[in-house]
Amino acid sequence: MNQYVNIKFNCQYKETIGADFLTKEIMLDDKLVTMQIWDTAGQERFQSRGVAFYRGADACVLSFEKLDTWRDEFLAQAGPRDSDAFPFIVLGNKVDKESERRVPKEKAHEWCRGKNVQQPIQHYETSAKEATSVEEAFQTIAASALHKGHEDDMYVYQYKLDVSTCDESYQDKVREKAMEQ
């Protein structure tokens, strides 16, 4: 999240408590799109708070550890009109630390292919530290959400996207940014 928005990597990992968010404006299909990128705590003790963050989301980025249940839990809490067509993207982060990998690349691809959905779930292998595929992954999810929004005529705020993510957080930076706004 921090790598995508601020083009910075913070090697001091801090676990998300509740939720953090960053915003980024991008040009997509000749339109200015404002992305609100949320990092929600994946820990079970914070799941009851998820509903408030997920409602109204236009897309979801899953950074995996518990792939099998997280998508279904997100959809149950977000309540989109058509869960099979809801834009998802899966990120296998920390590809620069292969020895610490918890989910093999092949298993992630298999999981994405195994979901019987109208819109295929794309999978990217990323590294926030080395900026590997981060920009491409977020551009893909933004485009998917934008195009899905036009098809469904579901935008309340023109070209505003909420992209939920369960990726590494950078709480101090997020809090500083939120205070500035």
C-alpha atoms as a PDB file:
ATOM      1  CA  MET A   1       0.000   0.000   0.000  1.00  0.00           C
ATOM      2  CA  ASN A   2       2.713   2.445   1.001  1.00  0.00           C
ATOM      3  CA  GLN A   3       4.866   1.358  -1.943  1.00  0.00           C
ATOM      4  CA  TYR A   4       2.018   1.993  -4.377  1.00  0.00           C
ATOM      5  CA  VAL A   5       0.846   5.332  -2.974  1.00  0.00           C
ATOM      6  CA  ASN A   6       4.091   6.907  -1.726  1.00  0.00           C
ATOM      7  CA  ILE A   7       6.689   4.859  -3.635  1.00  0.00           C
ATOM      8  CA  LYS A   8       8.356   4.059  -0.318  1.00  0.00           C
ATOM      9  CA  PHE A   9       9.067   0.911   1.632  1.00  0.00           C
ATOM     10  CA  ASN A  10       9.257   0.814   5.415  1.00  0.00           C
ATOM     11  CA  CYS A  11      11.119  -2.255   6.649  1.00  0.00           C
ATOM     12  CA  GLN A  12       9.735  -1.851  10.181  1.00  0.00           C
ATOM     13  CA  TYR A  13       6.593  -3.989   9.983  1.00  0.00           C
ATOM     14  CA  LYS A  14       3.708  -2.933  12.205  1.00  0.00           C
ATOM     15  CA  GLU A  15       0.613  -5.089  12.391  1.00  0.00           C
ATOM     16  CA  THR A  16      -2.636  -3.390  11.432  1.00  0.00           C
ATOM     17  CA  ILE A  17      -4.954  -2.646  14.338  1.00  0.00           C
ATOM     18  CA  GLY A  18      -8.468  -1.995  13.079  1.00  0.00           C
ATOM     19  CA  ALA A  19      -7.802  -0.356   9.704  1.00  0.00           C
ATOM     20  CA  ASP A  20      -5.563   2.111   7.914  1.00  0.00           C
ATOM     21  CA  PHE A  21      -6.011   3.807   4.569  1.00  0.00           C
ATOM     22  CA  LEU A  22      -4.215   5.858   1.956  1.00  0.00           C
ATOM     23  CA  THR A  23      -5.552   7.681  -1.080  1.00  0.00           C
ATOM     24  CA  LYS A  24      -4.080   8.028  -4.538  1.00  0.00           C
ATOM     25  CA  GLU A  25      -5.314   9.788  -7.648  1.00  0.00           C
ATOM     26  CA  ILE A  26      -4.572   8.188 -11.001  1.00  0.00           C
ATOM     27  CA  MET A  27      -5.543   8.803 -14.605  1.00  0.00           C
ATOM     28  CA  LEU A  28      -7.391   5.840 -16.053  1.00  0.00           C
ATOM     29  CA  ASP A  29      -9.202   5.818 -19.399  1.00  0.00           C
ATOM     30  CA  ASP A  30      -8.786   9.618 -19.546  1.00  0.00           C
ATOM     31  CA  LYS A  31     -10.588   9.981 -16.205  1.00  0.00           C
ATOM     32  CA  LEU A  32      -9.221  11.127 -12.865  1.00  0.00           C
ATOM     33  CA  VAL A  33      -9.849   8.312 -10.395  1.00  0.00           C
ATOM     34  CA  THR A  34      -9.435   8.701  -6.638  1.00  0.00           C
ATOM     35  CA  MET A  35      -8.604   5.423  -4.955  1.00  0.00           C
ATOM     36  CA  GLN A  36      -9.147   4.938  -1.235  1.00  0.00           C
ATOM     37  CA  ILE A  37      -6.996   1.960  -0.367  1.00  0.00           C
ATOM     38  CA  TRP A  38      -7.903   0.367   2.950  1.00  0.00           C
ATOM     39  CA  ASP A  39      -5.708  -1.997   4.917  1.00  0.00           C
ATOM     40  CA  THR A  40      -8.041  -3.886   7.213  1.00  0.00           C
ATOM     41  CA  ALA A  41      -6.781  -6.099   9.997  1.00  0.00           C
ATOM     42  CA  GLY A  42      -6.996  -9.708   8.920  1.00  0.00           C
ATOM     43  CA  GLN A  43      -6.939 -10.985  12.483  1.00  0.00           C
ATOM     44  CA  GLU A  44     -10.151 -12.603  13.699  1.00  0.00           C
ATOM     45  CA  ARG A  45     -10.420 -10.271  16.700  1.00  0.00           C
ATOM     46  CA  PHE A  46     -11.035  -7.339  14.331  1.00  0.00           C
ATOM     47  CA  GLN A  47     -13.445  -9.027  11.910  1.00  0.00           C
ATOM     48  CA  SER A  48     -16.575  -7.526  13.454  1.00  0.00           C
ATOM     49  CA  ARG A  49     -15.283  -4.099  12.381  1.00  0.00           C
ATOM     50  CA  GLY A  50     -14.909  -5.267   8.787  1.00  0.00           C
ATOM     51  CA  VAL A  51     -18.514  -4.649   7.801  1.00  0.00           C
ATOM     52  CA  ALA A  52     -18.161  -0.885   8.136  1.00  0.00           C
ATOM     53  CA  PHE A  53     -15.027  -0.843   5.996  1.00  0.00           C
ATOM     54  CA  TYR A  54     -16.237  -3.239   3.296  1.00  0.00           C
ATOM     55  CA  ARG A  55     -19.700  -1.798   2.571  1.00  0.00           C
ATOM     56  CA  GLY A  56     -19.591   0.224  -0.614  1.00  0.00           C
ATOM     57  CA  ALA A  57     -16.227  -1.163  -1.718  1.00  0.00           C
ATOM     58  CA  ASP A  58     -15.812  -1.320  -5.479  1.00  0.00           C
ATOM     59  CA  ALA A  59     -13.060  -3.938  -5.483  1.00  0.00           C
ATOM     60  CA  CYS A  60     -10.973  -6.083  -3.175  1.00  0.00           C
ATOM     61  CA  VAL A  61      -7.272  -6.895  -3.035  1.00  0.00           C
ATOM     62  CA  LEU A  62      -6.452 -10.070  -1.117  1.00  0.00           C
ATOM     63  CA  SER A  63      -2.928 -10.421   0.175  1.00  0.00           C
ATOM     64  CA  PHE A  64      -2.923 -14.004   1.206  1.00  0.00           C
ATOM     65  CA  GLU A  65      -2.225 -16.104   4.183  1.00  0.00           C
ATOM     66  CA  LYS A  66      -5.730 -17.521   4.627  1.00  0.00           C
ATOM     67  CA  LEU A  67      -6.959 -17.462   1.037  1.00  0.00           C
ATOM     68  CA  ASP A  68      -9.545 -20.189   1.462  1.00  0.00           C
ATOM     69  CA  THR A  69     -11.918 -18.248   3.709  1.00  0.00           C
ATOM     70  CA  TRP A  70     -11.089 -14.569   3.273  1.00  0.00           C
ATOM     71  CA  ARG A  71     -12.879 -13.956  -0.038  1.00  0.00           C
ATOM     72  CA  ASP A  72     -16.114 -15.494   1.235  1.00  0.00           C
ATOM     73  CA  GLU A  73     -15.914 -13.544   4.503  1.00  0.00           C
ATOM     74  CA  PHE A  74     -15.327 -10.296   2.610  1.00  0.00           C
ATOM     75  CA  LEU A  75     -18.303 -10.894   0.306  1.00  0.00           C
ATOM     76  CA  ALA A  76     -20.581 -11.786   3.228  1.00  0.00           C
ATOM     77  CA  GLN A  77     -19.682  -8.555   5.010  1.00  0.00           C
ATOM     78  CA  ALA A  78     -19.574  -6.285   1.940  1.00  0.00           C
ATOM     79  CA  GLY A  79     -22.848  -7.525   0.486  1.00  0.00           C
ATOM     80  CA  PRO A  80     -22.280  -6.619  -3.198  1.00  0.00           C
ATOM     81  CA  ARG A  81     -25.213  -7.047  -5.588  1.00  0.00           C
ATOM     82  CA  ASP A  82     -23.421  -9.704  -7.663  1.00  0.00           C
ATOM     83  CA  SER A  83     -20.666 -11.438  -5.720  1.00  0.00           C
ATOM     84  CA  ASP A  84     -19.576 -13.557  -8.714  1.00  0.00           C
ATOM     85  CA  ALA A  85     -18.852 -10.421 -10.763  1.00  0.00           C
ATOM     86  CA  PHE A  86     -17.221  -8.454  -7.933  1.00  0.00           C
ATOM     87  CA  PRO A  87     -13.649  -7.391  -8.865  1.00  0.00           C
ATOM     88  CA  PHE A  88     -10.975  -9.248  -6.896  1.00  0.00           C
ATOM     89  CA  ILE A  89      -7.231  -9.469  -7.260  1.00  0.00           C
ATOM     90  CA  VAL A  90      -4.884 -11.702  -5.279  1.00  0.00           C
ATOM     91  CA  LEU A  91      -1.399 -10.548  -4.282  1.00  0.00           C
ATOM     92  CA  GLY A  92       1.336 -12.918  -3.244  1.00  0.00           C
ATOM     93  CA  ASN A  93       3.506 -10.363  -1.468  1.00  0.00           C
ATOM     94  CA  LYS A  94       7.113 -10.632  -0.307  1.00  0.00           C
ATOM     95  CA  VAL A  95       8.376 -12.543  -3.354  1.00  0.00           C
ATOM     96  CA  ASP A  96      11.776 -11.166  -2.373  1.00  0.00           C
ATOM     97  CA  LYS A  97      11.604 -13.455   0.713  1.00  0.00           C
ATOM     98  CA  GLU A  98      10.907 -16.818  -0.900  1.00  0.00           C
ATOM     99  CA  SER A  99      12.036 -18.747   2.198  1.00  0.00           C
ATOM    100  CA  GLU A 100       9.260 -17.116   4.274  1.00  0.00           C
ATOM    101  CA  ARG A 101       6.518 -17.932   1.775  1.00  0.00           C
ATOM    102  CA  ARG A 102       3.408 -19.490   3.364  1.00  0.00           C
ATOM    103  CA  VAL A 103       1.330 -20.084   0.222  1.00  0.00           C
ATOM    104  CA  PRO A 104       3.076 -21.522  -2.853  1.00  0.00           C
ATOM    105  CA  LYS A 105       2.583 -19.595  -6.098  1.00  0.00           C
ATOM    106  CA  GLU A 106       0.958 -22.630  -7.727  1.00  0.00           C
ATOM    107  CA  LYS A 107      -1.591 -22.937  -4.906  1.00  0.00           C
ATOM    108  CA  ALA A 108      -2.547 -19.269  -5.285  1.00  0.00           C
ATOM    109  CA  HIS A 109      -3.006 -19.677  -9.062  1.00  0.00           C
ATOM    110  CA  GLU A 110      -5.051 -22.832  -8.486  1.00  0.00           C
ATOM    111  CA  TRP A 111      -7.239 -21.042  -5.929  1.00  0.00           C
ATOM    112  CA  CYS A 112      -7.888 -18.157  -8.351  1.00  0.00           C
ATOM    113  CA  ARG A 113      -8.767 -20.527 -11.202  1.00  0.00           C
ATOM    114  CA  GLY A 114     -10.961 -22.665  -8.917  1.00  0.00           C
ATOM    115  CA  LYS A 115     -13.412 -19.881  -8.114  1.00  0.00           C
ATOM    116  CA  ASN A 116     -16.473 -20.154 -10.322  1.00  0.00           C
ATOM    117  CA  VAL A 117     -16.942 -16.453 -10.956  1.00  0.00           C
ATOM    118  CA  GLN A 118     -17.954 -14.304 -13.930  1.00  0.00           C
ATOM    119  CA  GLN A 119     -14.839 -12.161 -13.706  1.00  0.00           C
ATOM    120  CA  PRO A 120     -11.595 -14.157 -13.387  1.00  0.00           C
ATOM    121  CA  ILE A 121      -9.590 -13.515 -10.238  1.00  0.00           C
ATOM    122  CA  GLN A 122      -6.161 -12.297 -11.268  1.00  0.00           C
ATOM    123  CA  HIS A 123      -3.041 -13.155  -9.310  1.00  0.00           C
ATOM    124  CA  TYR A 124       0.154 -11.121  -9.024  1.00  0.00           C
ATOM    125  CA  GLU A 125       3.397 -12.006  -7.300  1.00  0.00           C
ATOM    126  CA  THR A 126       4.566  -8.766  -5.674  1.00  0.00           C
ATOM    127  CA  SER A 127       7.279  -7.300  -3.505  1.00  0.00           C
ATOM    128  CA  ALA A 128       6.586  -4.036  -1.715  1.00  0.00           C
ATOM    129  CA  LYS A 129      10.270  -3.838  -0.847  1.00  0.00           C
ATOM    130  CA  GLU A 130      11.467  -4.108  -4.456  1.00  0.00           C
ATOM    131  CA  ALA A 131       8.307  -2.605  -6.023  1.00  0.00           C
ATOM    132  CA  THR A 132       7.800  -5.775  -8.076  1.00  0.00           C
ATOM    133  CA  SER A 133       4.408  -5.769  -9.878  1.00  0.00           C
ATOM    134  CA  VAL A 134       2.850  -3.391  -7.313  1.00  0.00           C
ATOM    135  CA  GLU A 135       1.899  -0.651  -9.790  1.00  0.00           C
ATOM    136  CA  GLU A 136       0.593  -3.172 -12.326  1.00  0.00           C
ATOM    137  CA  ALA A 137      -1.563  -4.964  -9.740  1.00  0.00           C
ATOM    138  CA  PHE A 138      -3.227  -1.786  -8.462  1.00  0.00           C
ATOM    139  CA  GLN A 139      -3.764  -0.459 -12.002  1.00  0.00           C
ATOM    140  CA  THR A 140      -5.482  -3.754 -12.863  1.00  0.00           C
ATOM    141  CA  ILE A 141      -7.852  -3.650  -9.897  1.00  0.00           C
ATOM    142  CA  ALA A 142      -8.630   0.036 -10.469  1.00  0.00           C
ATOM    143  CA  ALA A 143      -9.481  -0.647 -14.119  1.00  0.00           C
ATOM    144  CA  SER A 144     -11.635  -3.654 -13.161  1.00  0.00           C
ATOM    145  CA  ALA A 145     -13.565  -1.648 -10.579  1.00  0.00           C
ATOM    146  CA  LEU A 146     -13.985   1.343 -12.893  1.00  0.00           C
ATOM    147  CA  HIS A 147     -15.276  -0.772 -15.776  1.00  0.00           C
ATOM    148  CA  LYS A 148     -17.515  -2.817 -13.489  1.00  0.00           C
ATOM    149  CA  GLY A 149     -18.927   0.410 -12.061  1.00  0.00           C
ATOM    150  CA  HIS A 150     -19.828   1.724 -15.509  1.00  0.00           C
ATOM    151  CA  GLU A 151     -21.503  -1.559 -16.430  1.00  0.00           C
ATOM    152  CA  ASP A 152     -23.602  -1.614 -13.267  1.00  0.00           C
ATOM    153  CA  ASP A 153     -24.096   2.154 -12.977  1.00  0.00           C
ATOM    154  CA  MET A 154     -23.231   1.739  -9.304  1.00  0.00           C
ATOM    155  CA  TYR A 155     -21.177   4.841  -8.558  1.00  0.00           C
ATOM    156  CA  VAL A 156     -22.497   7.230  -5.978  1.00  0.00           C
ATOM    157  CA  TYR A 157     -19.389   9.432  -6.116  1.00  0.00           C
ATOM    158  CA  GLN A 158     -18.126   9.871  -9.646  1.00  0.00           C
ATOM    159  CA  TYR A 159     -14.929   7.867 -10.254  1.00  0.00           C
ATOM    160  CA  LYS A 160     -14.248   7.206  -6.584  1.00  0.00           C
ATOM    161  CA  LEU A 161     -12.992   3.723  -5.783  1.00  0.00           C
ATOM    162  CA  ASP A 162     -12.675   2.030  -2.413  1.00  0.00           C
ATOM    163  CA  VAL A 163     -10.147  -0.761  -2.710  1.00  0.00           C
ATOM    164  CA  SER A 164      -9.929  -2.945   0.378  1.00  0.00           C
ATOM    165  CA  THR A 165      -6.674  -4.692   1.005  1.00  0.00           C
ATOM    166  CA  CYS A 166      -5.269  -6.975   3.593  1.00  0.00           C
ATOM    167  CA  ASP A 167      -1.678  -6.119   2.826  1.00  0.00           C
ATOM    168  CA  GLU A 168       1.145  -4.927   5.109  1.00  0.00           C
ATOM    169  CA  SER A 169       0.338  -1.685   6.873  1.00  0.00           C
ATOM    170  CA  TYR A 170       2.398   1.358   7.445  1.00  0.00           C
ATOM    171  CA  GLN A 171       0.398   2.828  10.348  1.00  0.00           C
ATOM    172  CA  ASP A 172       2.619   5.758  11.233  1.00  0.00           C
ATOM    173  CA  LYS A 173       2.723   7.011   7.646  1.00  0.00           C
ATOM    174  CA  VAL A 174      -1.030   6.516   7.240  1.00  0.00           C
ATOM    175  CA  ARG A 175      -1.809   8.404  10.437  1.00  0.00           C
ATOM    176  CA  GLU A 176       0.483  11.258   9.391  1.00  0.00           C
ATOM    177  CA  LYS A 177      -1.195  11.395   5.990  1.00  0.00           C
ATOM    178  CA  ALA A 178      -4.683  11.321   7.533  1.00  0.00           C
ATOM    179  CA  MET A 179      -3.789  14.178   9.884  1.00  0.00           C
ATOM    180  CA  GLU A 180      -2.616  16.272   6.914  1.00  0.00           C
ATOM    181  CA  GLN A 181      -5.981  15.929   5.150  1.00  0.00           C
END
